[in-house]
């Protein structure tokens, strides 16, 4: 499948609730070799990789409850990519709504404690903190994942185009913020108007913080 065909046929829509499991599997597969996963988790066995997938299923469930934008890019009936976008302002979510997904997934995730490289965690968390100088309010692109079979074929471009079109309509927003643990990603995002605003070091992991200002009308 050529990149030109993919760009014309990929559809972006809200992620259906019944597809959280398949979306979690796609994100886990796409991010298994990503900087944060490599530095913080031991994913050397199928059992550990399965727990990684369950973690994403929980995070997607929490994002759904919090009314974040959960997006799916599809080619026909095939899921090709996902994105999670956090809005600038959030209404407080009742604790009992968050507790439901946590209780539901907790039994499958207890062993994840043994997968985490705890000595590295504190430094990485510090490096993940958004720069204080970011203009506010802003959207946060938490996740953009493309299935390995569809990478380099325009799926990520279509997701970004959809996200930018929606966020740019918000005249109150200053732009879109993201961070990445892979330098290669910075070059990709720079082609779409993002700029590196700060680089932080979390132990062995370098974190690049990037921002795309909303175009002036």
N, C-alpha and C. Protein backbone atom coordinates (compact mmCIF):
# COMPACT_ATOMS: atom_id res chain seq x y z
N UNK A 1 0.85 -1.20 0.00
CA UNK A 1 0.00 0.00 0.00
C UNK A 1 0.88 1.24 0.00
N UNK A 2 0.65 2.16 -0.91
CA UNK A 2 1.48 3.34 -1.01
C UNK A 2 1.01 4.40 -0.04
N UNK A 3 1.93 5.34 0.24
CA UNK A 3 1.58 6.42 1.16
C UNK A 3 0.43 7.24 0.62
N UNK A 4 0.39 7.48 -0.71
CA UNK A 4 -0.67 8.29 -1.31
C UNK A 4 -2.03 7.64 -1.13
N UNK A 5 -2.11 6.33 -1.33
CA UNK A 5 -3.38 5.62 -1.15
C UNK A 5 -3.81 5.69 0.30
N UNK A 6 -2.88 5.50 1.22
CA UNK A 6 -3.22 5.51 2.63
C UNK A 6 -3.78 6.86 3.05
N UNK A 7 -3.16 7.95 2.64
CA UNK A 7 -3.62 9.27 3.04
C UNK A 7 -5.04 9.54 2.56
N UNK A 8 -5.41 8.98 1.43
CA UNK A 8 -6.74 9.22 0.89
C UNK A 8 -7.80 8.34 1.55
N UNK A 9 -7.40 7.20 2.08
CA UNK A 9 -8.40 6.25 2.57
C UNK A 9 -8.48 6.15 4.08
N UNK A 10 -7.50 6.64 4.81
CA UNK A 10 -7.53 6.53 6.26
C UNK A 10 -8.60 7.46 6.82
N UNK A 11 -9.38 6.94 7.77
CA UNK A 11 -10.44 7.71 8.43
C UNK A 11 -10.09 7.90 9.90
N UNK A 12 -10.34 9.09 10.41
CA UNK A 12 -10.08 9.39 11.82
C UNK A 12 -11.41 9.69 12.50
N UNK A 13 -11.65 9.01 13.61
CA UNK A 13 -12.90 9.19 14.34
C UNK A 13 -12.66 8.92 15.82
N UNK A 14 -13.68 9.20 16.63
CA UNK A 14 -13.59 8.90 18.05
C UNK A 14 -13.45 7.39 18.24
N UNK A 15 -12.61 6.99 19.18
CA UNK A 15 -12.39 5.57 19.44
C UNK A 15 -13.62 4.98 20.12
N UNK A 16 -14.26 3.99 19.51
CA UNK A 16 -15.41 3.36 20.15
C UNK A 16 -15.01 2.66 21.44
N UNK A 17 -15.88 2.69 22.43
CA UNK A 17 -15.58 2.09 23.73
C UNK A 17 -15.24 0.61 23.61
N UNK A 18 -15.90 -0.08 22.69
CA UNK A 18 -15.68 -1.52 22.55
C UNK A 18 -14.32 -1.85 21.92
N UNK A 19 -13.61 -0.82 21.44
CA UNK A 19 -12.31 -1.05 20.80
C UNK A 19 -11.12 -0.66 21.68
N UNK A 20 -11.37 -0.43 22.99
CA UNK A 20 -10.27 -0.04 23.87
C UNK A 20 -9.19 -1.12 23.93
N UNK A 21 -9.60 -2.38 23.94
CA UNK A 21 -8.64 -3.47 24.03
C UNK A 21 -7.72 -3.53 22.83
N UNK A 22 -8.29 -3.42 21.63
CA UNK A 22 -7.46 -3.47 20.42
C UNK A 22 -6.59 -2.22 20.30
N UNK A 23 -7.11 -1.07 20.77
CA UNK A 23 -6.29 0.14 20.76
C UNK A 23 -5.12 0.01 21.72
N UNK A 24 -5.36 -0.56 22.89
CA UNK A 24 -4.29 -0.77 23.87
C UNK A 24 -3.21 -1.68 23.31
N UNK A 25 -3.62 -2.74 22.60
CA UNK A 25 -2.66 -3.67 22.01
C UNK A 25 -1.82 -2.96 20.95
N UNK A 26 -2.45 -2.09 20.15
CA UNK A 26 -1.71 -1.35 19.12
C UNK A 26 -0.69 -0.41 19.74
N UNK A 27 -1.11 0.33 20.78
CA UNK A 27 -0.19 1.27 21.42
C UNK A 27 0.97 0.53 22.06
N UNK A 28 0.67 -0.57 22.75
CA UNK A 28 1.73 -1.34 23.41
C UNK A 28 2.74 -1.87 22.40
N UNK A 29 2.26 -2.36 21.28
CA UNK A 29 3.16 -2.89 20.25
C UNK A 29 4.01 -1.76 19.66
N UNK A 30 3.40 -0.60 19.44
CA UNK A 30 4.11 0.52 18.84
C UNK A 30 5.14 1.12 19.77
N UNK A 31 4.86 1.08 21.09
CA UNK A 31 5.71 1.76 22.06
C UNK A 31 6.66 0.82 22.80
N UNK A 32 6.71 -0.43 22.42
CA UNK A 32 7.54 -1.39 23.15
C UNK A 32 9.01 -1.01 23.11
N UNK A 33 9.47 -0.42 22.01
CA UNK A 33 10.87 -0.03 21.87
C UNK A 33 11.06 1.48 22.02
N UNK A 34 10.01 2.18 22.46
CA UNK A 34 10.08 3.62 22.63
C UNK A 34 10.93 3.96 23.85
N UNK A 35 11.44 5.18 23.89
CA UNK A 35 12.41 5.57 24.91
C UNK A 35 11.94 5.35 26.33
N UNK A 36 10.72 5.77 26.66
CA UNK A 36 10.23 5.62 28.02
C UNK A 36 10.08 4.15 28.40
N UNK A 37 9.52 3.36 27.49
CA UNK A 37 9.34 1.93 27.78
C UNK A 37 10.68 1.24 27.96
N UNK A 38 11.65 1.54 27.11
CA UNK A 38 12.97 0.91 27.20
C UNK A 38 13.65 1.24 28.52
N UNK A 39 13.49 2.47 28.99
CA UNK A 39 14.20 2.91 30.19
C UNK A 39 13.51 2.50 31.47
N UNK A 40 12.19 2.43 31.48
CA UNK A 40 11.46 2.24 32.72
C UNK A 40 10.93 0.83 32.94
N UNK A 41 10.82 0.03 31.88
CA UNK A 41 10.18 -1.27 32.01
C UNK A 41 11.04 -2.39 31.46
N UNK A 42 10.91 -3.55 32.08
CA UNK A 42 11.50 -4.78 31.56
C UNK A 42 10.39 -5.51 30.81
N UNK A 43 10.45 -5.49 29.48
CA UNK A 43 9.42 -6.12 28.65
C UNK A 43 10.00 -7.31 27.90
N UNK A 44 10.87 -8.04 28.58
CA UNK A 44 11.64 -9.09 27.91
C UNK A 44 10.87 -10.39 27.71
N UNK A 45 9.70 -10.54 28.32
CA UNK A 45 8.95 -11.78 28.19
C UNK A 45 7.53 -11.49 27.70
N UNK A 46 6.87 -12.49 27.10
CA UNK A 46 5.48 -12.29 26.66
C UNK A 46 4.56 -11.90 27.80
N UNK A 47 4.77 -12.44 29.00
CA UNK A 47 3.92 -12.10 30.14
C UNK A 47 4.07 -10.62 30.50
N UNK A 48 5.29 -10.11 30.49
CA UNK A 48 5.53 -8.70 30.79
C UNK A 48 4.90 -7.81 29.70
N UNK A 49 5.02 -8.23 28.45
CA UNK A 49 4.44 -7.47 27.35
C UNK A 49 2.91 -7.45 27.44
N UNK A 50 2.33 -8.53 27.90
CA UNK A 50 0.88 -8.57 28.08
C UNK A 50 0.44 -7.61 29.17
N UNK A 51 1.22 -7.52 30.24
CA UNK A 51 0.89 -6.56 31.29
C UNK A 51 1.03 -5.12 30.78
N UNK A 52 1.98 -4.90 29.91
CA UNK A 52 2.15 -3.58 29.30
C UNK A 52 0.89 -3.20 28.52
N UNK A 53 0.34 -4.16 27.80
CA UNK A 53 -0.91 -3.93 27.06
C UNK A 53 -2.05 -3.62 28.02
N UNK A 54 -2.16 -4.37 29.11
CA UNK A 54 -3.22 -4.13 30.09
C UNK A 54 -3.09 -2.74 30.70
N UNK A 55 -1.85 -2.28 30.88
CA UNK A 55 -1.63 -0.94 31.42
C UNK A 55 -2.24 0.11 30.50
N UNK A 56 -2.04 -0.05 29.21
CA UNK A 56 -2.59 0.90 28.26
C UNK A 56 -4.12 0.82 28.22
N UNK A 57 -4.65 -0.37 28.41
CA UNK A 57 -6.10 -0.49 28.45
C UNK A 57 -6.67 0.29 29.64
N UNK A 58 -5.98 0.21 30.79
CA UNK A 58 -6.41 0.99 31.95
C UNK A 58 -6.31 2.49 31.66
N UNK A 59 -5.19 2.93 31.08
CA UNK A 59 -5.00 4.35 30.81
C UNK A 59 -6.04 4.87 29.82
N UNK A 60 -6.38 4.07 28.83
CA UNK A 60 -7.42 4.46 27.88
C UNK A 60 -8.78 4.56 28.58
N UNK A 61 -9.04 3.62 29.48
CA UNK A 61 -10.30 3.65 30.23
C UNK A 61 -10.39 4.90 31.10
N UNK A 62 -9.28 5.26 31.75
CA UNK A 62 -9.27 6.47 32.56
C UNK A 62 -9.41 7.72 31.69
N UNK A 63 -8.80 7.70 30.51
CA UNK A 63 -8.94 8.82 29.60
C UNK A 63 -10.36 8.98 29.10
N UNK A 64 -11.02 7.85 28.89
CA UNK A 64 -12.41 7.90 28.46
C UNK A 64 -13.30 8.50 29.54
N UNK A 65 -13.09 8.07 30.78
CA UNK A 65 -13.86 8.60 31.90
C UNK A 65 -13.59 10.10 32.07
N UNK A 66 -12.34 10.52 31.83
CA UNK A 66 -11.95 11.92 31.99
C UNK A 66 -12.35 12.78 30.80
N UNK A 67 -12.94 12.16 29.78
CA UNK A 67 -13.41 12.86 28.58
C UNK A 67 -12.28 13.47 27.78
N UNK A 68 -11.16 12.78 27.74
CA UNK A 68 -10.10 13.16 26.82
C UNK A 68 -10.53 12.76 25.42
N UNK A 69 -9.85 13.29 24.42
CA UNK A 69 -10.13 12.91 23.04
C UNK A 69 -9.36 11.63 22.72
N UNK A 70 -10.08 10.53 22.57
CA UNK A 70 -9.48 9.25 22.18
C UNK A 70 -9.82 9.03 20.72
N UNK A 71 -8.81 8.98 19.87
CA UNK A 71 -9.03 8.92 18.44
C UNK A 71 -8.52 7.62 17.85
N UNK A 72 -9.20 7.18 16.79
CA UNK A 72 -8.80 5.97 16.07
C UNK A 72 -8.65 6.30 14.59
N UNK A 73 -7.56 5.85 14.00
CA UNK A 73 -7.36 5.95 12.55
C UNK A 73 -7.57 4.57 11.96
N UNK A 74 -8.48 4.46 11.01
CA UNK A 74 -8.82 3.16 10.45
C UNK A 74 -8.64 3.14 8.93
N UNK A 75 -8.31 1.96 8.44
CA UNK A 75 -8.27 1.69 7.01
C UNK A 75 -9.29 0.59 6.76
N UNK A 76 -10.46 0.97 6.28
CA UNK A 76 -11.55 0.00 6.20
C UNK A 76 -11.96 -0.39 7.61
N UNK A 77 -11.86 -1.66 7.91
CA UNK A 77 -12.18 -2.14 9.25
C UNK A 77 -10.94 -2.34 10.11
N UNK A 78 -9.77 -2.03 9.58
CA UNK A 78 -8.52 -2.26 10.30
C UNK A 78 -8.10 -1.03 11.08
N UNK A 79 -7.76 -1.23 12.34
CA UNK A 79 -7.25 -0.15 13.18
C UNK A 79 -5.78 0.06 12.85
N UNK A 80 -5.45 1.29 12.42
CA UNK A 80 -4.08 1.58 11.98
C UNK A 80 -3.34 2.50 12.92
N UNK A 81 -4.06 3.25 13.76
CA UNK A 81 -3.39 4.17 14.66
C UNK A 81 -4.34 4.72 15.71
N UNK A 82 -3.76 5.29 16.75
CA UNK A 82 -4.53 5.89 17.84
C UNK A 82 -3.87 7.17 18.31
N UNK A 83 -4.65 8.03 18.92
CA UNK A 83 -4.11 9.24 19.54
C UNK A 83 -4.94 9.56 20.77
N UNK A 84 -4.28 10.16 21.76
CA UNK A 84 -4.93 10.63 22.98
C UNK A 84 -4.59 12.10 23.15
N UNK A 85 -5.61 12.94 23.22
CA UNK A 85 -5.41 14.37 23.36
C UNK A 85 -6.13 14.85 24.62
N UNK A 86 -5.39 15.50 25.48
CA UNK A 86 -5.94 16.04 26.72
C UNK A 86 -6.30 17.51 26.50
N UNK A 87 -7.53 17.91 26.80
CA UNK A 87 -7.94 19.30 26.60
C UNK A 87 -7.27 20.24 27.61
N UNK A 88 -7.29 21.54 27.32
CA UNK A 88 -6.63 22.50 28.22
C UNK A 88 -7.22 22.52 29.62
N UNK A 89 -8.52 22.42 29.71
CA UNK A 89 -9.18 22.45 31.02
C UNK A 89 -10.01 21.19 31.19
N UNK A 90 -9.99 20.66 32.39
CA UNK A 90 -10.75 19.45 32.69
C UNK A 90 -11.68 19.70 33.86
N UNK A 91 -12.89 19.19 33.72
CA UNK A 91 -13.79 19.22 34.85
C UNK A 91 -13.42 18.08 35.80
N UNK A 92 -13.46 18.32 37.10
CA UNK A 92 -13.12 17.27 38.05
C UNK A 92 -13.98 16.02 37.83
N UNK A 93 -13.32 14.87 37.82
CA UNK A 93 -14.02 13.60 37.63
C UNK A 93 -14.27 12.98 38.99
N UNK A 94 -15.51 12.61 39.30
CA UNK A 94 -15.80 11.97 40.60
C UNK A 94 -14.92 10.75 40.82
N UNK A 95 -14.43 10.58 42.03
CA UNK A 95 -13.49 9.51 42.33
C UNK A 95 -14.05 8.14 42.00
N UNK A 96 -15.36 7.98 42.19
CA UNK A 96 -15.94 6.65 41.96
C UNK A 96 -15.94 6.27 40.48
N UNK A 97 -15.93 7.29 39.60
CA UNK A 97 -15.84 6.97 38.17
C UNK A 97 -14.44 6.51 37.79
N UNK A 98 -13.42 7.08 38.43
CA UNK A 98 -12.04 6.65 38.19
C UNK A 98 -11.76 5.31 38.86
N UNK A 99 -12.40 5.09 40.00
CA UNK A 99 -12.15 3.85 40.75
C UNK A 99 -12.60 2.62 39.98
N UNK A 100 -13.67 2.76 39.19
CA UNK A 100 -14.19 1.61 38.46
C UNK A 100 -13.15 0.96 37.56
N UNK A 101 -12.55 1.71 36.63
CA UNK A 101 -11.51 1.10 35.77
C UNK A 101 -10.32 0.58 36.56
N UNK A 102 -9.91 1.30 37.61
CA UNK A 102 -8.75 0.86 38.39
C UNK A 102 -9.02 -0.48 39.06
N UNK A 103 -10.18 -0.60 39.68
CA UNK A 103 -10.53 -1.86 40.35
C UNK A 103 -10.66 -3.00 39.34
N UNK A 104 -11.21 -2.68 38.18
CA UNK A 104 -11.41 -3.70 37.15
C UNK A 104 -10.10 -4.24 36.61
N UNK A 105 -9.09 -3.37 36.48
CA UNK A 105 -7.82 -3.79 35.87
C UNK A 105 -6.75 -4.16 36.89
N UNK A 106 -6.92 -3.75 38.14
CA UNK A 106 -5.87 -3.95 39.15
C UNK A 106 -5.39 -5.39 39.27
N UNK A 107 -6.29 -6.39 39.31
CA UNK A 107 -5.81 -7.77 39.48
C UNK A 107 -4.82 -8.21 38.40
N UNK A 108 -5.00 -7.69 37.18
CA UNK A 108 -4.11 -8.10 36.09
C UNK A 108 -2.81 -7.30 36.10
N UNK A 109 -2.75 -6.21 36.86
CA UNK A 109 -1.59 -5.34 36.81
C UNK A 109 -0.70 -5.40 38.05
N UNK A 110 -1.08 -6.18 39.04
CA UNK A 110 -0.29 -6.22 40.27
C UNK A 110 1.15 -6.65 40.01
N UNK A 111 1.33 -7.60 39.09
CA UNK A 111 2.68 -8.07 38.81
C UNK A 111 3.51 -7.06 38.04
N UNK A 112 2.87 -5.98 37.55
CA UNK A 112 3.61 -4.94 36.84
C UNK A 112 4.64 -4.28 37.75
N UNK A 113 4.41 -4.36 39.05
CA UNK A 113 5.36 -3.79 40.01
C UNK A 113 6.76 -4.35 39.79
N UNK A 114 6.84 -5.63 39.43
CA UNK A 114 8.13 -6.26 39.20
C UNK A 114 8.74 -5.93 37.86
N UNK A 115 7.97 -5.30 36.97
CA UNK A 115 8.47 -4.96 35.63
C UNK A 115 9.11 -3.58 35.60
N UNK A 116 8.83 -2.76 36.62
CA UNK A 116 9.30 -1.37 36.62
C UNK A 116 10.73 -1.27 37.15
N UNK A 117 11.55 -0.47 36.48
CA UNK A 117 12.90 -0.18 36.95
C UNK A 117 12.81 1.03 37.88
N UNK A 118 12.55 0.76 39.14
CA UNK A 118 12.17 1.79 40.09
C UNK A 118 13.26 2.83 40.33
N UNK A 119 14.53 2.44 40.25
CA UNK A 119 15.61 3.39 40.51
C UNK A 119 15.65 4.50 39.47
N UNK A 120 15.09 4.26 38.31
CA UNK A 120 15.11 5.26 37.25
C UNK A 120 13.86 6.13 37.26
N UNK A 121 12.83 5.69 37.96
CA UNK A 121 11.51 6.30 37.84
C UNK A 121 11.50 7.77 38.26
N UNK A 122 12.09 8.08 39.42
CA UNK A 122 12.01 9.45 39.94
C UNK A 122 12.62 10.45 38.97
N UNK A 123 13.80 10.12 38.44
CA UNK A 123 14.46 11.04 37.51
C UNK A 123 13.65 11.24 36.24
N UNK A 124 13.03 10.18 35.75
CA UNK A 124 12.24 10.29 34.53
C UNK A 124 10.99 11.14 34.78
N UNK A 125 10.36 10.95 35.92
CA UNK A 125 9.17 11.75 36.25
C UNK A 125 9.52 13.23 36.29
N UNK A 126 10.68 13.56 36.87
CA UNK A 126 11.11 14.96 36.90
C UNK A 126 11.33 15.49 35.48
N UNK A 127 11.93 14.67 34.64
CA UNK A 127 12.21 15.10 33.27
C UNK A 127 10.94 15.24 32.44
N UNK A 128 9.86 14.59 32.84
CA UNK A 128 8.60 14.65 32.12
C UNK A 128 7.79 15.90 32.45
N UNK A 129 8.15 16.61 33.49
CA UNK A 129 7.38 17.77 33.92
C UNK A 129 7.38 18.85 32.83
N UNK A 130 6.20 19.34 32.43
CA UNK A 130 6.14 20.35 31.37
C UNK A 130 6.93 21.60 31.73
N UNK A 131 7.56 22.24 30.76
CA UNK A 131 8.29 23.48 31.02
C UNK A 131 7.38 24.56 31.59
N UNK A 132 7.88 25.33 32.52
CA UNK A 132 7.08 26.37 33.16
C UNK A 132 6.73 27.49 32.19
N UNK A 133 7.55 27.67 31.15
CA UNK A 133 7.37 28.81 30.24
C UNK A 133 6.35 28.55 29.13
N UNK A 134 5.70 27.40 29.12
CA UNK A 134 4.73 27.12 28.06
C UNK A 134 3.58 28.12 28.11
N UNK A 135 3.17 28.65 26.95
CA UNK A 135 2.00 29.54 26.95
C UNK A 135 0.74 28.74 27.25
N UNK A 136 -0.14 29.30 28.02
CA UNK A 136 -1.36 28.61 28.43
C UNK A 136 -2.59 29.36 27.93
N UNK A 137 -3.71 28.63 27.82
CA UNK A 137 -3.89 27.19 28.02
C UNK A 137 -3.48 26.42 26.75
N UNK A 138 -3.19 25.14 26.90
CA UNK A 138 -2.76 24.35 25.75
C UNK A 138 -3.35 22.94 25.81
N UNK A 139 -3.49 22.35 24.64
CA UNK A 139 -3.84 20.93 24.52
C UNK A 139 -2.57 20.12 24.70
N UNK A 140 -2.71 18.89 25.16
CA UNK A 140 -1.56 18.00 25.32
C UNK A 140 -1.78 16.75 24.47
N UNK A 141 -0.85 16.51 23.55
CA UNK A 141 -0.89 15.29 22.75
C UNK A 141 -0.16 14.21 23.55
N UNK A 142 -0.92 13.44 24.30
CA UNK A 142 -0.33 12.43 25.18
C UNK A 142 0.24 11.24 24.42
N UNK A 143 -0.48 10.80 23.42
CA UNK A 143 -0.08 9.60 22.68
C UNK A 143 -0.44 9.77 21.21
N UNK A 144 0.49 9.39 20.33
CA UNK A 144 0.18 9.18 18.92
C UNK A 144 0.91 7.91 18.52
N UNK A 145 0.14 6.88 18.22
CA UNK A 145 0.72 5.56 17.92
C UNK A 145 0.19 5.06 16.58
N UNK A 146 1.09 4.50 15.79
CA UNK A 146 0.73 3.90 14.50
C UNK A 146 1.19 2.45 14.50
N UNK A 147 0.31 1.56 14.10
CA UNK A 147 0.66 0.14 14.05
C UNK A 147 1.90 -0.06 13.18
N UNK A 148 2.83 -0.93 13.59
CA UNK A 148 4.07 -1.12 12.84
C UNK A 148 3.86 -1.38 11.34
N UNK A 149 2.82 -2.11 10.98
CA UNK A 149 2.57 -2.43 9.57
C UNK A 149 2.18 -1.21 8.75
N UNK A 150 1.77 -0.13 9.42
CA UNK A 150 1.30 1.05 8.69
C UNK A 150 2.18 2.27 8.89
N UNK A 151 3.30 2.11 9.57
CA UNK A 151 4.17 3.25 9.81
C UNK A 151 4.83 3.71 8.50
N UNK A 152 4.96 5.03 8.35
CA UNK A 152 5.56 5.58 7.15
C UNK A 152 4.62 5.66 5.97
N UNK A 153 3.31 5.45 6.20
CA UNK A 153 2.35 5.43 5.11
C UNK A 153 1.30 6.54 5.23
N UNK A 154 1.54 7.51 6.10
CA UNK A 154 0.64 8.65 6.17
C UNK A 154 -0.41 8.59 7.26
N UNK A 155 -0.44 7.51 8.05
CA UNK A 155 -1.46 7.39 9.10
C UNK A 155 -1.23 8.43 10.19
N UNK A 156 0.01 8.57 10.64
CA UNK A 156 0.33 9.57 11.65
C UNK A 156 0.02 10.97 11.15
N UNK A 157 0.29 11.24 9.88
CA UNK A 157 -0.02 12.55 9.30
C UNK A 157 -1.52 12.84 9.39
N UNK A 158 -2.35 11.88 9.06
CA UNK A 158 -3.80 12.08 9.09
C UNK A 158 -4.27 12.32 10.52
N UNK A 159 -3.72 11.59 11.48
CA UNK A 159 -4.08 11.83 12.87
C UNK A 159 -3.71 13.24 13.30
N UNK A 160 -2.50 13.67 12.96
CA UNK A 160 -2.07 15.02 13.33
C UNK A 160 -2.92 16.08 12.64
N UNK A 161 -3.23 15.89 11.37
CA UNK A 161 -4.07 16.85 10.67
C UNK A 161 -5.43 16.99 11.35
N UNK A 162 -6.00 15.86 11.75
CA UNK A 162 -7.29 15.88 12.43
C UNK A 162 -7.19 16.60 13.78
N UNK A 163 -6.15 16.29 14.54
CA UNK A 163 -5.95 16.91 15.85
C UNK A 163 -5.73 18.41 15.71
N UNK A 164 -4.89 18.81 14.77
CA UNK A 164 -4.61 20.22 14.58
C UNK A 164 -5.86 20.99 14.16
N UNK A 165 -6.64 20.39 13.27
CA UNK A 165 -7.85 21.06 12.80
C UNK A 165 -8.82 21.32 13.95
N UNK A 166 -8.95 20.35 14.85
CA UNK A 166 -9.87 20.51 15.98
C UNK A 166 -9.33 21.51 17.00
N UNK A 167 -8.06 21.39 17.32
CA UNK A 167 -7.49 22.26 18.35
C UNK A 167 -7.37 23.70 17.87
N UNK A 168 -7.09 23.89 16.58
CA UNK A 168 -6.93 25.24 16.05
C UNK A 168 -8.24 26.02 16.04
N UNK A 169 -9.36 25.31 16.14
CA UNK A 169 -10.66 25.98 16.19
C UNK A 169 -10.92 26.61 17.55
N UNK A 170 -10.16 26.19 18.55
CA UNK A 170 -10.33 26.71 19.90
C UNK A 170 -9.53 28.01 20.03
N UNK A 171 -10.21 29.13 19.93
CA UNK A 171 -9.53 30.42 19.94
C UNK A 171 -8.93 30.77 21.30
N UNK A 172 -9.33 30.05 22.33
CA UNK A 172 -8.78 30.30 23.67
C UNK A 172 -7.45 29.58 23.89
N UNK A 173 -7.17 28.57 23.07
CA UNK A 173 -5.98 27.75 23.27
C UNK A 173 -4.75 28.40 22.64
N UNK A 174 -3.60 28.27 23.32
CA UNK A 174 -2.35 28.81 22.80
C UNK A 174 -1.70 27.85 21.79
N UNK A 175 -2.00 26.55 21.90
CA UNK A 175 -1.40 25.59 21.00
C UNK A 175 -1.45 24.19 21.56
N UNK A 176 -0.53 23.34 21.07
CA UNK A 176 -0.50 21.93 21.45
C UNK A 176 0.91 21.58 21.95
N UNK A 177 0.94 20.89 23.06
CA UNK A 177 2.20 20.51 23.70
C UNK A 177 2.35 18.99 23.68
N UNK A 178 3.59 18.51 23.57
CA UNK A 178 3.89 17.09 23.69
C UNK A 178 5.31 16.92 24.19
N UNK A 179 5.62 15.71 24.64
CA UNK A 179 7.01 15.38 24.95
C UNK A 179 7.31 13.99 24.39
N UNK A 180 8.57 13.75 24.11
CA UNK A 180 8.97 12.46 23.54
C UNK A 180 10.33 12.06 24.09
N UNK A 181 10.55 10.76 24.18
CA UNK A 181 11.83 10.24 24.63
C UNK A 181 12.68 9.72 23.50
N UNK A 182 12.31 10.04 22.26
CA UNK A 182 13.08 9.58 21.09
C UNK A 182 13.40 10.77 20.20
N UNK A 183 14.67 11.01 19.95
CA UNK A 183 15.07 12.16 19.15
C UNK A 183 14.53 12.10 17.73
N UNK A 184 14.40 10.89 17.17
CA UNK A 184 13.85 10.75 15.83
C UNK A 184 12.48 11.38 15.73
N UNK A 185 11.68 11.23 16.78
CA UNK A 185 10.33 11.80 16.77
C UNK A 185 10.36 13.33 16.69
N UNK A 186 11.39 13.94 17.27
CA UNK A 186 11.44 15.40 17.24
C UNK A 186 11.52 15.91 15.80
N UNK A 187 12.26 15.21 14.95
CA UNK A 187 12.40 15.63 13.56
C UNK A 187 11.07 15.47 12.82
N UNK A 188 10.33 14.41 13.16
CA UNK A 188 9.02 14.20 12.54
C UNK A 188 8.06 15.32 12.92
N UNK A 189 7.98 15.61 14.23
CA UNK A 189 7.04 16.63 14.69
C UNK A 189 7.42 18.03 14.21
N UNK A 190 8.71 18.27 14.03
CA UNK A 190 9.13 19.58 13.54
C UNK A 190 8.57 19.86 12.15
N UNK A 191 8.35 18.81 11.36
CA UNK A 191 7.77 18.99 10.03
C UNK A 191 6.32 19.44 10.10
N UNK A 192 5.70 19.28 11.27
CA UNK A 192 4.30 19.66 11.44
C UNK A 192 4.14 20.90 12.32
N UNK A 193 5.22 21.66 12.46
CA UNK A 193 5.12 22.94 13.14
C UNK A 193 5.48 22.95 14.61
N UNK A 194 5.93 21.82 15.15
CA UNK A 194 6.34 21.77 16.55
C UNK A 194 7.79 22.22 16.68
N UNK A 195 8.09 22.85 17.82
CA UNK A 195 9.46 23.27 18.10
C UNK A 195 9.88 22.73 19.47
N UNK A 196 11.14 22.38 19.59
CA UNK A 196 11.66 21.94 20.89
C UNK A 196 11.82 23.19 21.76
N UNK A 197 11.12 23.20 22.89
CA UNK A 197 11.19 24.36 23.79
C UNK A 197 12.09 24.09 24.99
N UNK A 198 12.33 22.81 25.30
CA UNK A 198 13.22 22.48 26.41
C UNK A 198 13.60 21.01 26.31
N UNK A 199 14.81 20.70 26.74
CA UNK A 199 15.30 19.33 26.80
C UNK A 199 15.71 19.04 28.24
N UNK A 200 15.22 17.93 28.78
CA UNK A 200 15.53 17.56 30.15
C UNK A 200 16.12 16.16 30.19
N UNK A 201 16.97 15.93 31.17
CA UNK A 201 17.62 14.64 31.32
C UNK A 201 17.05 13.92 32.53
N UNK A 202 16.58 12.69 32.33
CA UNK A 202 16.10 11.86 33.42
C UNK A 202 16.94 10.60 33.50
N UNK A 203 18.09 10.68 34.15
CA UNK A 203 19.01 9.55 34.17
C UNK A 203 19.54 9.30 32.77
N UNK A 204 19.32 8.11 32.23
CA UNK A 204 19.79 7.76 30.91
C UNK A 204 18.88 8.28 29.80
N UNK A 205 17.70 8.76 30.18
CA UNK A 205 16.69 9.15 29.20
C UNK A 205 16.69 10.66 28.98
N UNK A 206 16.74 11.07 27.72
CA UNK A 206 16.56 12.47 27.35
C UNK A 206 15.11 12.67 26.94
N UNK A 207 14.50 13.73 27.47
CA UNK A 207 13.11 14.03 27.16
C UNK A 207 13.05 15.38 26.44
N UNK A 208 12.47 15.36 25.24
CA UNK A 208 12.31 16.58 24.45
C UNK A 208 10.88 17.09 24.62
N UNK A 209 10.75 18.35 25.03
CA UNK A 209 9.45 18.99 25.20
C UNK A 209 9.21 19.89 23.99
N UNK A 210 8.06 19.71 23.33
CA UNK A 210 7.79 20.40 22.07
C UNK A 210 6.44 21.11 22.12
N UNK A 211 6.35 22.17 21.34
CA UNK A 211 5.11 22.97 21.34
C UNK A 211 4.82 23.45 19.93
N UNK A 212 3.56 23.37 19.56
CA UNK A 212 3.07 23.91 18.27
C UNK A 212 2.08 25.01 18.58
N UNK A 213 2.42 26.27 18.32
CA UNK A 213 1.47 27.36 18.60
C UNK A 213 0.29 27.31 17.66
N UNK A 214 -0.85 27.74 18.15
CA UNK A 214 -2.04 27.80 17.29
C UNK A 214 -1.82 28.90 16.26
N UNK A 215 -2.03 28.61 14.98
CA UNK A 215 -1.83 29.62 13.95
C UNK A 215 -2.70 30.84 14.19
N UNK A 216 -2.14 32.00 13.94
CA UNK A 216 -2.91 33.23 14.11
C UNK A 216 -3.88 33.39 12.95
N UNK A 217 -5.11 33.75 13.27
CA UNK A 217 -6.12 33.91 12.24
C UNK A 217 -5.98 35.25 11.54
